[in-house]
């Protein structure tokens, strides 16, 4: 008796292709919807954050008796720390993504 080798492609052909494709399309659509929703929410929070410093600037100037030049310095310091804060956040996200892709099994990748 000869042992039969079955490849991943052959085993996937044995499953009803239309049902499998429909499941894949639903999961892709759900993932896309969640991703777009999260990115839109993050973008909204980011824009509100940047707008609020501009709206609060006159009140900050009145409260601390700052000149226009000093208020410009406050905005610059805010922008610099905001920018520097992005570096460790992006590094953490990149590392997390790298770990997540290494931990996925070939089966979950559809291989």
PDB file of N, CA and C in Angstrom:
ATOM      1  N   UNK A   1       0.829  -1.162   0.000  1.00  0.00           N
ATOM      2  CA  UNK A   1       0.000   0.000   0.000  1.00  0.00           C
ATOM      3  C   UNK A   1       0.885   1.241   0.000  1.00  0.00           C
ATOM      4  N   UNK A   2       0.634   2.097  -0.913  1.00  0.00           N
ATOM      5  CA  UNK A   2       1.434   3.304  -1.054  1.00  0.00           C
ATOM      6  C   UNK A   2       0.784   4.443  -0.270  1.00  0.00           C
ATOM      7  N   UNK A   3       1.589   5.147   0.526  1.00  0.00           N
ATOM      8  CA  UNK A   3       1.060   6.274   1.305  1.00  0.00           C
ATOM      9  C   UNK A   3       0.782   7.446   0.380  1.00  0.00           C
ATOM     10  N   UNK A   4      -0.353   8.044   0.575  1.00  0.00           N
ATOM     11  CA  UNK A   4      -0.747   9.158  -0.284  1.00  0.00           C
ATOM     12  C   UNK A   4      -0.368  10.472   0.391  1.00  0.00           C
ATOM     13  N   UNK A   5       0.349  11.288  -0.350  1.00  0.00           N
ATOM     14  CA  UNK A   5       0.719  12.610   0.162  1.00  0.00           C
ATOM     15  C   UNK A   5      -0.333  13.615  -0.280  1.00  0.00           C
ATOM     16  N   UNK A   6      -0.836  14.343   0.666  1.00  0.00           N
ATOM     17  CA  UNK A   6      -1.848  15.344   0.362  1.00  0.00           C
ATOM     18  C   UNK A   6      -1.251  16.713   0.674  1.00  0.00           C
ATOM     19  N   UNK A   7      -1.247  17.577  -0.307  1.00  0.00           N
ATOM     20  CA  UNK A   7      -0.744  18.927  -0.096  1.00  0.00           C
ATOM     21  C   UNK A   7      -1.852  19.799   0.468  1.00  0.00           C
ATOM     22  N   UNK A   8      -1.448  20.957   0.930  1.00  0.00           N
ATOM     23  CA  UNK A   8      -2.429  21.891   1.484  1.00  0.00           C
ATOM     24  C   UNK A   8      -3.406  22.334   0.409  1.00  0.00           C
ATOM     25  N   UNK A   9      -2.903  22.525  -0.793  1.00  0.00           N
ATOM     26  CA  UNK A   9      -3.775  22.970  -1.885  1.00  0.00           C
ATOM     27  C   UNK A   9      -4.839  21.920  -2.198  1.00  0.00           C
ATOM     28  N   UNK A  10      -4.428  20.645  -2.205  1.00  0.00           N
ATOM     29  CA  UNK A  10      -5.391  19.590  -2.497  1.00  0.00           C
ATOM     30  C   UNK A  10      -6.440  19.475  -1.401  1.00  0.00           C
ATOM     31  N   UNK A  11      -6.007  19.622  -0.137  1.00  0.00           N
ATOM     32  CA  UNK A  11      -6.981  19.517   0.949  1.00  0.00           C
ATOM     33  C   UNK A  11      -7.954  20.682   0.919  1.00  0.00           C
ATOM     34  N   UNK A  12      -7.489  21.855   0.503  1.00  0.00           N
ATOM     35  CA  UNK A  12      -8.405  22.986   0.432  1.00  0.00           C
ATOM     36  C   UNK A  12      -9.377  22.842  -0.736  1.00  0.00           C
ATOM     37  N   UNK A  13      -8.976  22.117  -1.777  1.00  0.00           N
ATOM     38  CA  UNK A  13      -9.882  21.891  -2.896  1.00  0.00           C
ATOM     39  C   UNK A  13     -11.009  20.937  -2.514  1.00  0.00           C
ATOM     40  N   UNK A  14     -10.730  20.073  -1.564  1.00  0.00           N
ATOM     41  CA  UNK A  14     -11.754  19.121  -1.144  1.00  0.00           C
ATOM     42  C   UNK A  14     -12.875  19.795  -0.366  1.00  0.00           C
ATOM     43  N   UNK A  15     -12.537  20.900   0.315  1.00  0.00           N
ATOM     44  CA  UNK A  15     -13.561  21.660   1.027  1.00  0.00           C
ATOM     45  C   UNK A  15     -14.352  22.433  -0.017  1.00  0.00           C
ATOM     46  N   UNK A  16     -15.637  22.613   0.228  1.00  0.00           N
ATOM     47  CA  UNK A  16     -16.461  23.363  -0.710  1.00  0.00           C
ATOM     48  C   UNK A  16     -15.877  24.757  -0.890  1.00  0.00           C
ATOM     49  N   UNK A  17     -15.414  25.057  -2.072  1.00  0.00           N
ATOM     50  CA  UNK A  17     -14.730  26.320  -2.344  1.00  0.00           C
ATOM     51  C   UNK A  17     -15.583  27.541  -2.125  1.00  0.00           C
ATOM     52  N   UNK A  18     -16.867  27.476  -2.476  1.00  0.00           N
ATOM     53  CA  UNK A  18     -17.713  28.657  -2.343  1.00  0.00           C
ATOM     54  C   UNK A  18     -17.928  29.025  -0.879  1.00  0.00           C
ATOM     55  N   UNK A  19     -18.105  28.025  -0.012  1.00  0.00           N
ATOM     56  CA  UNK A  19     -18.300  28.300   1.408  1.00  0.00           C
ATOM     57  C   UNK A  19     -17.022  28.872   2.001  1.00  0.00           C
ATOM     58  N   UNK A  20     -15.898  28.290   1.643  1.00  0.00           N
ATOM     59  CA  UNK A  20     -14.618  28.766   2.167  1.00  0.00           C
ATOM     60  C   UNK A  20     -14.341  30.202   1.720  1.00  0.00           C
ATOM     61  N   UNK A  21     -14.587  30.501   0.443  1.00  0.00           N
ATOM     62  CA  UNK A  21     -14.361  31.859  -0.047  1.00  0.00           C
ATOM     63  C   UNK A  21     -15.292  32.855   0.615  1.00  0.00           C
ATOM     64  N   UNK A  22     -16.555  32.447   0.855  1.00  0.00           N
ATOM     65  CA  UNK A  22     -17.500  33.335   1.514  1.00  0.00           C
ATOM     66  C   UNK A  22     -17.044  33.632   2.942  1.00  0.00           C
ATOM     67  N   UNK A  23     -16.542  32.619   3.645  1.00  0.00           N
ATOM     68  CA  UNK A  23     -16.043  32.820   5.006  1.00  0.00           C
ATOM     69  C   UNK A  23     -14.850  33.760   4.993  1.00  0.00           C
ATOM     70  N   UNK A  24     -13.944  33.565   4.025  1.00  0.00           N
ATOM     71  CA  UNK A  24     -12.787  34.432   3.924  1.00  0.00           C
ATOM     72  C   UNK A  24     -13.204  35.873   3.622  1.00  0.00           C
ATOM     73  N   UNK A  25     -14.178  36.044   2.728  1.00  0.00           N
ATOM     74  CA  UNK A  25     -14.634  37.386   2.391  1.00  0.00           C
ATOM     75  C   UNK A  25     -15.283  38.073   3.586  1.00  0.00           C
ATOM     76  N   UNK A  26     -16.054  37.327   4.378  1.00  0.00           N
ATOM     77  CA  UNK A  26     -16.688  37.917   5.563  1.00  0.00           C
ATOM     78  C   UNK A  26     -15.641  38.332   6.581  1.00  0.00           C
ATOM     79  N   UNK A  27     -14.649  37.486   6.797  1.00  0.00           N
ATOM     80  CA  UNK A  27     -13.623  37.830   7.775  1.00  0.00           C
ATOM     81  C   UNK A  27     -12.766  38.990   7.290  1.00  0.00           C
ATOM     82  N   UNK A  28     -12.494  39.043   6.001  1.00  0.00           N
ATOM     83  CA  UNK A  28     -11.722  40.164   5.448  1.00  0.00           C
ATOM     84  C   UNK A  28     -12.529  41.446   5.568  1.00  0.00           C
ATOM     85  N   UNK A  29     -13.816  41.394   5.250  1.00  0.00           N
ATOM     86  CA  UNK A  29     -14.668  42.576   5.342  1.00  0.00           C
ATOM     87  C   UNK A  29     -14.759  43.058   6.792  1.00  0.00           C
ATOM     88  N   UNK A  30     -14.905  42.121   7.740  1.00  0.00           N
ATOM     89  CA  UNK A  30     -14.987  42.477   9.152  1.00  0.00           C
ATOM     90  C   UNK A  30     -13.670  43.102   9.622  1.00  0.00           C
ATOM     91  N   UNK A  31     -12.557  42.495   9.233  1.00  0.00           N
ATOM     92  CA  UNK A  31     -11.248  43.030   9.613  1.00  0.00           C
ATOM     93  C   UNK A  31     -11.038  44.417   9.027  1.00  0.00           C
ATOM     94  N   UNK A  32     -11.428  44.602   7.785  1.00  0.00           N
ATOM     95  CA  UNK A  32     -11.286  45.906   7.134  1.00  0.00           C
ATOM     96  C   UNK A  32     -12.152  46.952   7.828  1.00  0.00           C
ATOM     97  N   UNK A  33     -13.378  46.592   8.160  1.00  0.00           N
ATOM     98  CA  UNK A  33     -14.277  47.530   8.830  1.00  0.00           C
ATOM     99  C   UNK A  33     -13.732  47.934  10.192  1.00  0.00           C
ATOM    100  N   UNK A  34     -13.260  46.972  10.958  1.00  0.00           N
ATOM    101  CA  UNK A  34     -12.707  47.280  12.277  1.00  0.00           C
ATOM    102  C   UNK A  34     -11.458  48.138  12.145  1.00  0.00           C
ATOM    103  N   UNK A  35     -10.604  47.819  11.193  1.00  0.00           N
ATOM    104  CA  UNK A  35      -9.375  48.588  10.995  1.00  0.00           C
ATOM    105  C   UNK A  35      -9.673  50.032  10.605  1.00  0.00           C
ATOM    106  N   UNK A  36     -10.577  50.213   9.665  1.00  0.00           N
ATOM    107  CA  UNK A  36     -10.936  51.573   9.237  1.00  0.00           C
ATOM    108  C   UNK A  36     -11.584  52.338  10.393  1.00  0.00           C
ATOM    109  N   UNK A  37     -12.427  51.675  11.161  1.00  0.00           N
ATOM    110  CA  UNK A  37     -13.057  52.324  12.314  1.00  0.00           C
ATOM    111  C   UNK A  37     -12.039  52.763  13.359  1.00  0.00           C
ATOM    112  N   UNK A  38     -11.089  51.876  13.669  1.00  0.00           N
ATOM    113  CA  UNK A  38     -10.059  52.226  14.647  1.00  0.00           C
ATOM    114  C   UNK A  38      -9.164  53.355  14.145  1.00  0.00           C
ATOM    115  N   UNK A  39      -8.763  53.288  12.885  1.00  0.00           N
ATOM    116  CA  UNK A  39      -7.916  54.352  12.328  1.00  0.00           C
ATOM    117  C   UNK A  39      -8.657  55.689  12.299  1.00  0.00           C
ATOM    118  N   UNK A  40      -9.944  55.667  11.983  1.00  0.00           N
ATOM    119  CA  UNK A  40     -10.724  56.908  11.977  1.00  0.00           C
ATOM    120  C   UNK A  40     -10.839  57.491  13.382  1.00  0.00           C
ATOM    121  N   UNK A  41     -11.048  56.635  14.369  1.00  0.00           N
ATOM    122  CA  UNK A  41     -11.136  57.100  15.752  1.00  0.00           C
ATOM    123  C   UNK A  41      -9.811  57.687  16.219  1.00  0.00           C
ATOM    124  N   UNK A  42      -8.711  57.006  15.905  1.00  0.00           N
ATOM    125  CA  UNK A  42      -7.386  57.516  16.277  1.00  0.00           C
ATOM    126  C   UNK A  42      -7.122  58.848  15.595  1.00  0.00           C
ATOM    127  N   UNK A  43      -7.491  58.960  14.307  1.00  0.00           N
ATOM    128  CA  UNK A  43      -7.291  60.211  13.583  1.00  0.00           C
ATOM    129  C   UNK A  43      -8.097  61.340  14.222  1.00  0.00           C
ATOM    130  N   UNK A  44      -9.347  61.049  14.606  1.00  0.00           N
ATOM    131  CA  UNK A  44     -10.197  62.052  15.229  1.00  0.00           C
ATOM    132  C   UNK A  44      -9.605  62.538  16.549  1.00  0.00           C
ATOM    133  N   UNK A  45      -9.154  61.605  17.379  1.00  0.00           N
ATOM    134  CA  UNK A  45      -8.536  61.985  18.657  1.00  0.00           C
ATOM    135  C   UNK A  45      -7.272  62.808  18.419  1.00  0.00           C
ATOM    136  N   UNK A  46      -6.490  62.421  17.419  1.00  0.00           N
ATOM    137  CA  UNK A  46      -5.267  63.149  17.085  1.00  0.00           C
ATOM    138  C   UNK A  46      -5.588  64.580  16.647  1.00  0.00           C
ATOM    139  N   UNK A  47      -6.603  64.743  15.818  1.00  0.00           N
ATOM    140  CA  UNK A  47      -6.954  66.081  15.343  1.00  0.00           C
ATOM    141  C   UNK A  47      -7.524  66.941  16.474  1.00  0.00           C
ATOM    142  N   UNK A  48      -8.351  66.360  17.331  1.00  0.00           N
ATOM    143  CA  UNK A  48      -8.897  67.108  18.463  1.00  0.00           C
ATOM    144  C   UNK A  48      -7.768  67.551  19.378  1.00  0.00           C
ATOM    145  N   UNK A  49      -6.792  66.675  19.585  1.00  0.00           N
ATOM    146  CA  UNK A  49      -5.647  66.988  20.432  1.00  0.00           C
ATOM    147  C   UNK A  49      -4.888  68.199  19.882  1.00  0.00           C
ATOM    148  N   UNK A  50      -4.666  68.225  18.602  1.00  0.00           N
ATOM    149  CA  UNK A  50      -3.922  69.341  17.995  1.00  0.00           C
ATOM    150  C   UNK A  50      -4.734  70.629  17.969  1.00  0.00           C
ATOM    151  N   UNK A  51      -6.029  70.515  17.753  1.00  0.00           N
ATOM    152  CA  UNK A  51      -6.878  71.708  17.714  1.00  0.00           C
ATOM    153  C   UNK A  51      -7.007  72.316  19.107  1.00  0.00           C
ATOM    154  N   UNK A  52      -7.077  71.480  20.126  1.00  0.00           N
ATOM    155  CA  UNK A  52      -7.278  71.971  21.500  1.00  0.00           C
ATOM    156  C   UNK A  52      -6.122  72.854  21.969  1.00  0.00           C
ATOM    157  N   UNK A  53      -4.894  72.545  21.575  1.00  0.00           N
ATOM    158  CA  UNK A  53      -3.775  73.397  21.996  1.00  0.00           C
ATOM    159  C   UNK A  53      -3.915  74.779  21.362  1.00  0.00           C
ATOM    160  N   UNK A  54      -4.412  74.840  20.146  1.00  0.00           N
ATOM    161  CA  UNK A  54      -4.627  76.131  19.501  1.00  0.00           C
ATOM    162  C   UNK A  54      -5.758  76.928  20.136  1.00  0.00           C
ATOM    163  N   UNK A  55      -6.816  76.218  20.542  1.00  0.00           N
ATOM    164  CA  UNK A  55      -7.934  76.896  21.189  1.00  0.00           C
ATOM    165  C   UNK A  55      -7.585  77.332  22.611  1.00  0.00           C
ATOM    166  N   UNK A  56      -6.752  76.575  23.276  1.00  0.00           N
ATOM    167  CA  UNK A  56      -6.390  76.885  24.662  1.00  0.00           C
ATOM    168  C   UNK A  56      -5.263  77.908  24.753  1.00  0.00           C
ATOM    169  N   UNK A  57      -4.598  78.188  23.652  1.00  0.00           N
ATOM    170  CA  UNK A  57      -3.431  79.082  23.669  1.00  0.00           C
ATOM    171  C   UNK A  57      -3.740  80.480  24.208  1.00  0.00           C
ATOM    172  N   UNK A  58      -4.816  81.146  23.781  1.00  0.00           N
ATOM    173  CA  UNK A  58      -5.104  82.473  24.351  1.00  0.00           C
ATOM    174  C   UNK A  58      -5.344  82.434  25.863  1.00  0.00           C
ATOM    175  N   UNK A  59      -6.021  81.383  26.322  1.00  0.00           N
ATOM    176  CA  UNK A  59      -6.274  81.269  27.768  1.00  0.00           C
ATOM    177  C   UNK A  59      -4.983  80.987  28.541  1.00  0.00           C
ATOM    178  N   UNK A  60      -4.101  80.185  27.945  1.00  0.00           N
ATOM    179  CA  UNK A  60      -2.802  79.919  28.582  1.00  0.00           C
ATOM    180  C   UNK A  60      -1.999  81.212  28.664  1.00  0.00           C
ATOM    181  N   UNK A  61      -2.028  81.993  27.583  1.00  0.00           N
ATOM    182  CA  UNK A  61      -1.312  83.272  27.570  1.00  0.00           C
ATOM    183  C   UNK A  61      -1.837  84.244  28.611  1.00  0.00           C
ATOM    184  N   UNK A  62      -3.174  84.304  28.759  1.00  0.00           N
ATOM    185  CA  UNK A  62      -3.765  85.186  29.773  1.00  0.00           C
ATOM    186  C   UNK A  62      -3.435  84.718  31.189  1.00  0.00           C
ATOM    187  N   UNK A  63      -3.496  83.429  31.407  1.00  0.00           N
ATOM    188  CA  UNK A  63      -3.275  82.870  32.739  1.00  0.00           C
ATOM    189  C   UNK A  63      -1.850  83.097  33.242  1.00  0.00           C
ATOM    190  N   UNK A  64      -0.884  82.936  32.347  1.00  0.00           N
ATOM    191  CA  UNK A  64       0.515  83.037  32.750  1.00  0.00           C
ATOM    192  C   UNK A  64       1.186  84.327  32.276  1.00  0.00           C
ATOM    193  N   UNK A  65       0.423  85.244  31.707  1.00  0.00           N
ATOM    194  CA  UNK A  65       0.927  86.527  31.196  1.00  0.00           C
ATOM    195  C   UNK A  65       2.103  86.319  30.235  1.00  0.00           C
ATOM    196  N   UNK A  66       1.860  85.506  29.208  1.00  0.00           N
ATOM    197  CA  UNK A  66       2.897  85.197  28.224  1.00  0.00           C
ATOM    198  C   UNK A  66       2.721  86.069  26.984  1.00  0.00           C
ATOM    199  N   UNK A  67       3.852  86.444  26.379  1.00  0.00           N
ATOM    200  CA  UNK A  67       3.811  87.206  25.130  1.00  0.00           C
ATOM    201  C   UNK A  67       3.569  86.239  23.965  1.00  0.00           C
ATOM    202  N   UNK A  68       3.381  86.791  22.789  1.00  0.00           N
ATOM    203  CA  UNK A  68       3.156  85.964  21.597  1.00  0.00           C
ATOM    204  C   UNK A  68       4.372  85.083  21.306  1.00  0.00           C
ATOM    205  N   UNK A  69       5.573  85.628  21.528  1.00  0.00           N
ATOM    206  CA  UNK A  69       6.789  84.851  21.309  1.00  0.00           C
ATOM    207  C   UNK A  69       6.863  83.679  22.277  1.00  0.00           C
ATOM    208  N   UNK A  70       6.505  83.915  23.520  1.00  0.00           N
ATOM    209  CA  UNK A  70       6.527  82.845  24.514  1.00  0.00           C
ATOM    210  C   UNK A  70       5.459  81.797  24.220  1.00  0.00           C
ATOM    211  N   UNK A  71       4.302  82.245  23.733  1.00  0.00           N
ATOM    212  CA  UNK A  71       3.264  81.289  23.348  1.00  0.00           C
ATOM    213  C   UNK A  71       3.728  80.418  22.176  1.00  0.00           C
ATOM    214  N   UNK A  72       4.468  81.020  21.264  1.00  0.00           N
ATOM    215  CA  UNK A  72       5.057  80.241  20.164  1.00  0.00           C
ATOM    216  C   UNK A  72       6.020  79.190  20.692  1.00  0.00           C
ATOM    217  N   UNK A  73       6.774  79.543  21.728  1.00  0.00           N
ATOM    218  CA  UNK A  73       7.671  78.577  22.358  1.00  0.00           C
ATOM    219  C   UNK A  73       6.908  77.437  23.010  1.00  0.00           C
ATOM    220  N   UNK A  74       5.755  77.759  23.637  1.00  0.00           N
ATOM    221  CA  UNK A  74       4.921  76.717  24.258  1.00  0.00           C
ATOM    222  C   UNK A  74       4.439  75.731  23.196  1.00  0.00           C
ATOM    223  N   UNK A  75       3.991  76.259  22.069  1.00  0.00           N
ATOM    224  CA  UNK A  75       3.516  75.390  20.985  1.00  0.00           C
ATOM    225  C   UNK A  75       4.672  74.552  20.435  1.00  0.00           C
ATOM    226  N   UNK A  76       5.843  75.162  20.299  1.00  0.00           N
ATOM    227  CA  UNK A  76       7.003  74.420  19.793  1.00  0.00           C
ATOM    228  C   UNK A  76       7.400  73.296  20.733  1.00  0.00           C
ATOM    229  N   UNK A  77       7.422  73.576  22.032  1.00  0.00           N
ATOM    230  CA  UNK A  77       7.760  72.541  23.008  1.00  0.00           C
ATOM    231  C   UNK A  77       6.736  71.412  22.958  1.00  0.00           C
ATOM    232  N   UNK A  78       5.451  71.770  22.855  1.00  0.00           N
ATOM    233  CA  UNK A  78       4.399  70.762  22.745  1.00  0.00           C
ATOM    234  C   UNK A  78       4.621  69.894  21.503  1.00  0.00           C
ATOM    235  N   UNK A  79       4.909  70.525  20.373  1.00  0.00           N
ATOM    236  CA  UNK A  79       5.093  69.784  19.126  1.00  0.00           C
ATOM    237  C   UNK A  79       6.327  68.881  19.189  1.00  0.00           C
ATOM    238  N   UNK A  80       7.395  69.368  19.792  1.00  0.00           N
ATOM    239  CA  UNK A  80       8.624  68.564  19.882  1.00  0.00           C
ATOM    240  C   UNK A  80       8.392  67.337  20.763  1.00  0.00           C
ATOM    241  N   UNK A  81       7.776  67.525  21.926  1.00  0.00           N
ATOM    242  CA  UNK A  81       7.521  66.377  22.794  1.00  0.00           C
ATOM    243  C   UNK A  81       6.498  65.428  22.179  1.00  0.00           C
ATOM    244  N   UNK A  82       5.554  65.961  21.449  1.00  0.00           N
ATOM    245  CA  UNK A  82       4.581  65.130  20.751  1.00  0.00           C
ATOM    246  C   UNK A  82       5.289  64.259  19.710  1.00  0.00           C
ATOM    247  N   UNK A  83       6.208  64.879  18.957  1.00  0.00           N
ATOM    248  CA  UNK A  83       6.961  64.161  17.934  1.00  0.00           C
ATOM    249  C   UNK A  83       7.870  63.109  18.568  1.00  0.00           C
ATOM    250  N   UNK A  84       8.574  63.469  19.632  1.00  0.00           N
ATOM    251  CA  UNK A  84       9.481  62.530  20.287  1.00  0.00           C
ATOM    252  C   UNK A  84       8.723  61.371  20.927  1.00  0.00           C
ATOM    253  N   UNK A  85       7.509  61.609  21.349  1.00  0.00           N
ATOM    254  CA  UNK A  85       6.692  60.542  21.916  1.00  0.00           C
ATOM    255  C   UNK A  85       6.260  59.512  20.889  1.00  0.00           C
ATOM    256  N   UNK A  86       6.249  59.899  19.619  1.00  0.00           N
ATOM    257  CA  UNK A  86       5.845  58.976  18.563  1.00  0.00           C
ATOM    258  C   UNK A  86       6.892  57.894  18.311  1.00  0.00           C
ATOM    259  N   UNK A  87       8.162  58.193  18.545  1.00  0.00           N
ATOM    260  CA  UNK A  87       9.230  57.240  18.259  1.00  0.00           C
ATOM    261  C   UNK A  87       9.091  55.972  19.122  1.00  0.00           C
ATOM    262  N   UNK A  88       9.002  56.078  20.451  1.00  0.00           N
ATOM    263  CA  UNK A  88       8.857  54.831  21.216  1.00  0.00           C
ATOM    264  C   UNK A  88       7.535  54.119  20.969  1.00  0.00           C
ATOM    265  N   UNK A  89       6.480  54.869  20.707  1.00  0.00           N
ATOM    266  CA  UNK A  89       5.187  54.242  20.435  1.00  0.00           C
ATOM    267  C   UNK A  89       5.265  53.427  19.152  1.00  0.00           C
ATOM    268  N   UNK A  90       5.837  54.008  18.103  1.00  0.00           N
ATOM    269  CA  UNK A  90       5.956  53.291  16.824  1.00  0.00           C
ATOM    270  C   UNK A  90       6.888  52.090  16.954  1.00  0.00           C
ATOM    271  N   UNK A  91       7.945  52.214  17.745  1.00  0.00           N
ATOM    272  CA  UNK A  91       8.862  51.104  17.968  1.00  0.00           C
ATOM    273  C   UNK A  91       8.141  49.956  18.671  1.00  0.00           C
ATOM    274  N   UNK A  92       7.331  50.274  19.669  1.00  0.00           N
ATOM    275  CA  UNK A  92       6.574  49.232  20.388  1.00  0.00           C
ATOM    276  C   UNK A  92       5.574  48.555  19.461  1.00  0.00           C
ATOM    277  N   UNK A  93       4.883  49.329  18.650  1.00  0.00           N
ATOM    278  CA  UNK A  93       3.901  48.763  17.727  1.00  0.00           C
ATOM    279  C   UNK A  93       4.593  47.862  16.708  1.00  0.00           C
ATOM    280  N   UNK A  94       5.729  48.305  16.206  1.00  0.00           N
ATOM    281  CA  UNK A  94       6.469  47.517  15.220  1.00  0.00           C
ATOM    282  C   UNK A  94       6.936  46.197  15.829  1.00  0.00           C
ATOM    283  N   UNK A  95       7.466  46.250  17.057  1.00  0.00           N
ATOM    284  CA  UNK A  95       7.927  45.044  17.738  1.00  0.00           C
ATOM    285  C   UNK A  95       6.757  44.094  17.997  1.00  0.00           C
ATOM    286  N   UNK A  96       5.623  44.632  18.420  1.00  0.00           N
ATOM    287  CA  UNK A  96       4.441  43.812  18.679  1.00  0.00           C
ATOM    288  C   UNK A  96       3.956  43.140  17.396  1.00  0.00           C
ATOM    289  N   UNK A  97       3.975  43.871  16.292  1.00  0.00           N
ATOM    290  CA  UNK A  97       3.560  43.310  15.008  1.00  0.00           C
ATOM    291  C   UNK A  97       4.517  42.195  14.595  1.00  0.00           C
ATOM    292  N   UNK A  98       5.806  42.410  14.790  1.00  0.00           N
ATOM    293  CA  UNK A  98       6.800  41.403  14.429  1.00  0.00           C
ATOM    294  C   UNK A  98       6.575  40.114  15.239  1.00  0.00           C
ATOM    295  N   UNK A  99       6.315  40.262  16.529  1.00  0.00           N
ATOM    296  CA  UNK A  99       6.064  39.092  17.371  1.00  0.00           C
ATOM    297  C   UNK A  99       4.771  38.383  16.975  1.00  0.00           C
ATOM    298  N   UNK A 100       3.754  39.150  16.663  1.00  0.00           N
ATOM    299  CA  UNK A 100       2.462  38.563  16.294  1.00  0.00           C
ATOM    300  C   UNK A 100       2.570  37.774  14.996  1.00  0.00           C
ATOM    301  N   UNK A 101       3.317  38.267  14.022  1.00  0.00           N
ATOM    302  CA  UNK A 101       3.437  37.553  12.752  1.00  0.00           C
ATOM    303  C   UNK A 101       4.302  36.312  12.896  1.00  0.00           C
ATOM    304  N   UNK A 102       5.260  36.323  13.815  1.00  0.00           N
ATOM    305  CA  UNK A 102       6.090  35.141  14.031  1.00  0.00           C
ATOM    306  C   UNK A 102       5.314  34.044  14.737  1.00  0.00           C
ATOM    307  N   UNK A 103       4.343  34.413  15.559  1.00  0.00           N
ATOM    308  CA  UNK A 103       3.608  33.438  16.355  1.00  0.00           C
ATOM    309  C   UNK A 103       2.467  32.782  15.587  1.00  0.00           C
ATOM    310  N   UNK A 104       2.095  33.336  14.438  1.00  0.00           N
ATOM    311  CA  UNK A 104       0.992  32.758  13.674  1.00  0.00           C
ATOM    312  C   UNK A 104       1.429  31.426  13.075  1.00  0.00           C
ATOM    313  N   UNK A 105       0.553  30.484  13.112  1.00  0.00           N
ATOM    314  CA  UNK A 105       0.851  29.184  12.528  1.00  0.00           C
ATOM    315  C   UNK A 105       0.573  29.230  11.036  1.00  0.00           C
ATOM    316  N   UNK A 106       1.202  28.323  10.282  1.00  0.00           N
ATOM    317  CA  UNK A 106       0.932  28.282   8.843  1.00  0.00           C
ATOM    318  C   UNK A 106      -0.539  28.032   8.534  1.00  0.00           C
ATOM    319  N   UNK A 107      -1.225  27.326   9.407  1.00  0.00           N
ATOM    320  CA  UNK A 107      -2.652  27.049   9.165  1.00  0.00           C
ATOM    321  C   UNK A 107      -3.485  28.316   9.229  1.00  0.00           C
ATOM    322  N   UNK A 108      -3.164  29.214  10.192  1.00  0.00           N
ATOM    323  CA  UNK A 108      -3.924  30.452  10.295  1.00  0.00           C
ATOM    324  C   UNK A 108      -3.629  31.391   9.140  1.00  0.00           C
ATOM    325  N   UNK A 109      -2.481  31.198   8.489  1.00  0.00           N
ATOM    326  CA  UNK A 109      -2.148  32.021   7.323  1.00  0.00           C
ATOM    327  C   UNK A 109      -2.737  31.441   6.039  1.00  0.00           C
ATOM    328  N   UNK A 110      -3.391  30.295   6.132  1.00  0.00           N
ATOM    329  CA  UNK A 110      -4.016  29.696   4.959  1.00  0.00           C
ATOM    330  C   UNK A 110      -3.062  28.898   4.108  1.00  0.00           C
ATOM    331  N   UNK A 111      -1.948  28.487   4.676  1.00  0.00           N
ATOM    332  CA  UNK A 111      -0.977  27.699   3.906  1.00  0.00           C
ATOM    333  C   UNK A 111      -1.246  26.217   4.029  1.00  0.00           C
TER     334      UNK A 111
END
